[in-house]
Amino acid sequence: MDHMGLRERKKRQTRRAIADAALRLFTERGYEETTIADIAEAADVSPRTFFSYFPSKEDVVFAEIDERLAEVREGVARRPAGETPLQSMRRIVFEMIDAIAAAHGEYGAIQVQLILERPSLQARALKRMNDTEQHVVERLTELSPDIDEVDAIVIAGALVGGMKAVITHCRAQGYDPEATRNAVDRALAIVEHGLGSVPALTHPVP
């Protein structure tokens, strides 16, 4: 069921339009050569509207990534009763991958290239990963109060780091949606093989 209101849906559509326009212009003209005014014009919004959605040109590169990370957080909160933490992780990852595989397929490679080539974007990407890992640690602790703190940290790092690595590879190589899903399934199976040894992850949470 779609619980998103019309206002929120329109805001998300505008945000995506700005991000799509930015990535298209970065591909066509280059990152440095593209101005915020250019992006706003291509998205049919004012520069003021651009800044109401993104603090800077650097942040627009991460628009879709931020949306996916927000969905990870929402997915953890929607955990069905009786689902084990390990099952929750698999469900959330595949919900996220279904969205990622279908989004920005045309511009995924330039997005990865920009991040890999610019230290300022690398720093922002690292901050997002660290924040996501911390959120996973917090949720794991809530779901399994007896979980060892080190176990929770390692689990979060393995999950977030593994998914980041395979998605980056798929986008850089131009994988289609089906190939991306298959690659993520393989990566997740490897991660799960190790995580399955942690008892706190394999028992249903009341």
Protein backbone atom coordinates (compact mmCIF):
# COMPACT_ATOMS: atom_id res chain seq x y z
CA MET A 1 0.00 0.00 0.00
CA ASP A 2 1.30 3.47 -0.90
CA HIS A 3 1.27 5.61 2.24
CA MET A 4 3.01 8.57 0.55
CA GLY A 5 0.85 11.68 0.30
CA LEU A 6 0.44 13.68 -2.90
CA ARG A 7 2.64 16.52 -1.64
CA GLU A 8 5.47 14.16 -0.70
CA ARG A 9 5.12 12.33 -4.02
CA LYS A 10 5.44 15.60 -5.96
CA LYS A 11 8.48 16.60 -3.91
CA ARG A 12 10.13 13.28 -4.68
CA GLN A 13 9.33 13.65 -8.39
CA THR A 14 10.91 17.11 -8.43
CA ARG A 15 13.97 15.83 -6.62
CA ARG A 16 14.38 13.01 -9.12
CA ALA A 17 13.90 15.37 -12.06
CA ILE A 18 16.69 17.59 -10.78
CA ALA A 19 18.98 14.61 -10.22
CA ASP A 20 18.23 13.14 -13.65
CA ALA A 21 18.93 16.47 -15.33
CA ALA A 22 22.19 16.85 -13.42
CA LEU A 23 23.50 13.40 -14.30
CA ARG A 24 22.53 13.86 -17.94
CA LEU A 25 24.38 17.18 -18.12
CA PHE A 26 27.40 15.75 -16.30
CA THR A 27 27.50 13.03 -18.97
CA GLU A 28 27.07 15.43 -21.89
CA ARG A 29 29.12 18.44 -20.74
CA GLY A 30 31.29 17.28 -17.85
CA TYR A 31 30.94 17.84 -14.12
CA GLU A 32 33.04 21.01 -13.82
CA GLU A 33 31.48 22.56 -16.91
CA THR A 34 27.91 22.11 -15.61
CA THR A 35 26.58 24.87 -13.34
CA ILE A 36 23.70 24.79 -10.90
CA ALA A 37 21.90 27.27 -13.17
CA ASP A 38 22.31 24.78 -16.04
CA ILE A 39 20.83 21.97 -13.95
CA ALA A 40 17.91 24.10 -12.78
CA GLU A 41 17.10 25.15 -16.34
CA ALA A 42 17.25 21.56 -17.62
CA ALA A 43 14.95 20.41 -14.80
CA ASP A 44 12.57 23.35 -15.41
CA VAL A 45 12.99 24.72 -11.89
CA SER A 46 14.57 27.84 -10.47
CA PRO A 47 18.04 27.85 -8.85
CA ARG A 48 16.27 28.66 -5.60
CA THR A 49 14.22 25.46 -5.96
CA PHE A 50 17.42 23.52 -6.63
CA PHE A 51 18.86 24.73 -3.31
CA SER A 52 15.67 23.77 -1.48
CA TYR A 53 16.43 20.15 -2.44
CA PHE A 54 20.22 20.07 -2.57
CA PRO A 55 22.75 22.15 -0.61
CA SER A 56 25.35 21.91 -3.41
CA LYS A 57 26.17 20.44 -6.81
CA GLU A 58 28.11 17.67 -5.06
CA ASP A 59 25.01 16.55 -3.15
CA VAL A 60 22.95 16.07 -6.31
CA VAL A 61 25.31 13.25 -7.33
CA PHE A 62 24.05 11.30 -4.29
CA ALA A 63 20.32 12.00 -4.73
CA GLU A 64 19.35 8.47 -5.70
CA ILE A 65 21.82 6.89 -3.27
CA ASP A 66 20.32 8.90 -0.40
CA GLU A 67 16.84 7.77 -1.43
CA ARG A 68 17.92 4.12 -1.40
CA LEU A 69 19.59 4.49 2.01
CA ALA A 70 16.39 6.02 3.40
CA GLU A 71 14.51 2.99 2.09
CA VAL A 72 16.93 0.70 3.94
CA ARG A 73 16.06 2.48 7.18
CA GLU A 74 12.34 2.30 6.44
CA GLY A 75 12.64 -1.39 5.54
CA VAL A 76 14.17 -2.26 8.89
CA ALA A 77 11.31 -0.50 10.64
CA ARG A 78 8.74 -2.51 8.63
CA ARG A 79 10.06 -5.89 9.79
CA PRO A 80 7.24 -8.49 9.92
CA ALA A 81 6.68 -10.31 13.21
CA GLY A 82 8.71 -13.51 13.50
CA GLU A 83 11.26 -12.52 10.87
CA THR A 84 14.85 -13.22 11.84
CA PRO A 85 17.38 -10.36 11.56
CA LEU A 86 19.11 -12.29 8.76
CA GLN A 87 15.83 -12.63 6.86
CA SER A 88 15.20 -8.93 7.39
CA MET A 89 18.55 -8.07 5.85
CA ARG A 90 17.91 -10.17 2.75
CA ARG A 91 14.42 -8.72 2.28
CA ILE A 92 15.62 -5.13 2.67
CA VAL A 93 18.59 -5.58 0.37
CA PHE A 94 16.46 -7.02 -2.41
CA GLU A 95 13.82 -4.33 -2.05
CA MET A 96 16.62 -1.81 -2.42
CA ILE A 97 18.23 -3.64 -5.35
CA ASP A 98 14.93 -3.79 -7.26
CA ALA A 99 14.84 0.00 -7.05
CA ILE A 100 18.54 0.45 -7.83
CA ALA A 101 18.50 -1.90 -10.80
CA ALA A 102 15.74 0.08 -12.46
CA ALA A 103 17.02 3.55 -11.60
CA HIS A 104 19.67 5.62 -13.36
CA GLY A 105 20.72 2.69 -15.52
CA GLU A 106 21.74 5.16 -18.20
CA TYR A 107 23.73 7.33 -15.81
CA GLY A 108 24.98 4.79 -13.27
CA ALA A 109 28.45 4.64 -14.82
CA ILE A 110 28.98 8.42 -14.74
CA GLN A 111 27.77 8.52 -11.14
CA VAL A 112 30.40 5.95 -10.12
CA GLN A 113 33.08 7.65 -12.22
CA LEU A 114 32.43 11.02 -10.59
CA ILE A 115 32.69 9.58 -7.10
CA LEU A 116 35.88 7.63 -7.86
CA GLU A 117 37.61 10.61 -9.50
CA ARG A 118 36.84 13.35 -6.96
CA PRO A 119 38.14 13.28 -3.36
CA SER A 120 35.33 15.57 -2.17
CA LEU A 121 32.72 13.14 -3.48
CA GLN A 122 34.61 10.17 -2.05
CA ALA A 123 34.49 11.83 1.37
CA ARG A 124 30.74 12.34 1.09
CA ALA A 125 30.25 8.74 -0.04
CA LEU A 126 32.29 7.48 2.93
CA LYS A 127 30.20 9.58 5.33
CA ARG A 128 27.01 8.08 3.92
CA MET A 129 28.38 4.55 4.30
CA ASN A 130 29.48 5.20 7.87
CA ASP A 131 26.08 6.65 8.78
CA THR A 132 24.31 3.65 7.25
CA GLU A 133 26.56 1.18 9.07
CA GLN A 134 25.84 2.94 12.35
CA HIS A 135 22.10 2.78 11.68
CA VAL A 136 22.34 -0.97 10.98
CA VAL A 137 24.27 -1.45 14.23
CA GLU A 138 21.59 0.44 16.17
CA ARG A 139 18.75 -1.54 14.62
CA LEU A 140 20.52 -4.87 15.15
CA THR A 141 20.96 -3.97 18.80
CA GLU A 142 17.27 -3.16 19.07
CA LEU A 143 16.23 -6.39 17.33
CA SER A 144 18.71 -8.56 19.26
CA PRO A 145 19.54 -6.92 22.60
CA ASP A 146 21.93 -9.76 23.47
CA ILE A 147 24.04 -9.39 20.35
CA ASP A 148 27.71 -8.73 20.99
CA GLU A 149 28.70 -5.16 20.11
CA VAL A 150 31.67 -6.28 18.01
CA ASP A 151 29.46 -8.78 16.17
CA ALA A 152 26.99 -6.01 15.34
CA ILE A 153 29.74 -3.73 14.02
CA VAL A 154 31.26 -6.47 11.86
CA ILE A 155 27.84 -7.50 10.51
CA ALA A 156 26.99 -3.92 9.54
CA GLY A 157 30.36 -3.45 7.87
CA ALA A 158 30.13 -6.71 5.94
CA LEU A 159 26.59 -6.04 4.74
CA VAL A 160 26.98 -2.38 3.78
CA GLY A 161 30.50 -2.78 2.40
CA GLY A 162 29.65 -5.88 0.39
CA MET A 163 26.58 -4.34 -1.18
CA LYS A 164 28.42 -1.10 -1.95
CA ALA A 165 31.22 -3.00 -3.68
CA VAL A 166 28.99 -5.11 -5.91
CA ILE A 167 26.64 -2.26 -6.86
CA THR A 168 29.58 -0.01 -7.71
CA HIS A 169 31.01 -2.76 -9.92
CA CYS A 170 27.69 -3.39 -11.66
CA ARG A 171 27.16 0.28 -12.44
CA ALA A 172 30.72 0.88 -13.57
CA GLN A 173 30.45 -2.10 -15.96
CA GLY A 174 26.98 -1.16 -17.21
CA TYR A 175 25.18 -4.31 -16.00
CA ASP A 176 21.50 -4.52 -16.94
CA PRO A 177 18.87 -4.92 -14.16
CA GLU A 178 18.78 -8.73 -14.34
CA ALA A 179 22.57 -9.06 -14.25
CA THR A 180 22.69 -6.64 -11.32
CA ARG A 181 20.16 -8.68 -9.36
CA ASN A 182 22.10 -11.88 -10.05
CA ALA A 183 25.37 -10.30 -8.94
CA VAL A 184 23.80 -9.00 -5.74
CA ASP A 185 22.25 -12.40 -5.02
CA ARG A 186 25.70 -13.99 -5.28
CA ALA A 187 27.26 -11.31 -3.10
CA LEU A 188 24.53 -11.62 -0.50
CA ALA A 189 24.94 -15.42 -0.40
CA ILE A 190 28.62 -14.94 0.42
CA VAL A 191 27.83 -12.42 3.16
CA GLU A 192 25.05 -14.62 4.57
CA HIS A 193 27.38 -17.61 4.73
CA GLY A 194 29.46 -15.76 7.28
CA LEU A 195 26.60 -14.03 9.08
CA GLY A 196 24.78 -17.32 9.57
CA SER A 197 27.38 -18.23 12.18
CA VAL A 198 26.03 -15.50 14.50
CA PRO A 199 23.18 -17.06 16.54
CA ALA A 200 21.56 -13.70 17.24
CA LEU A 201 20.79 -13.31 13.52
CA THR A 202 19.07 -16.62 12.97
CA HIS A 203 16.41 -16.53 15.70
CA PRO A 204 13.03 -14.84 15.13
CA VAL A 205 12.55 -11.62 17.05
CA PRO A 206 9.30 -11.30 19.05
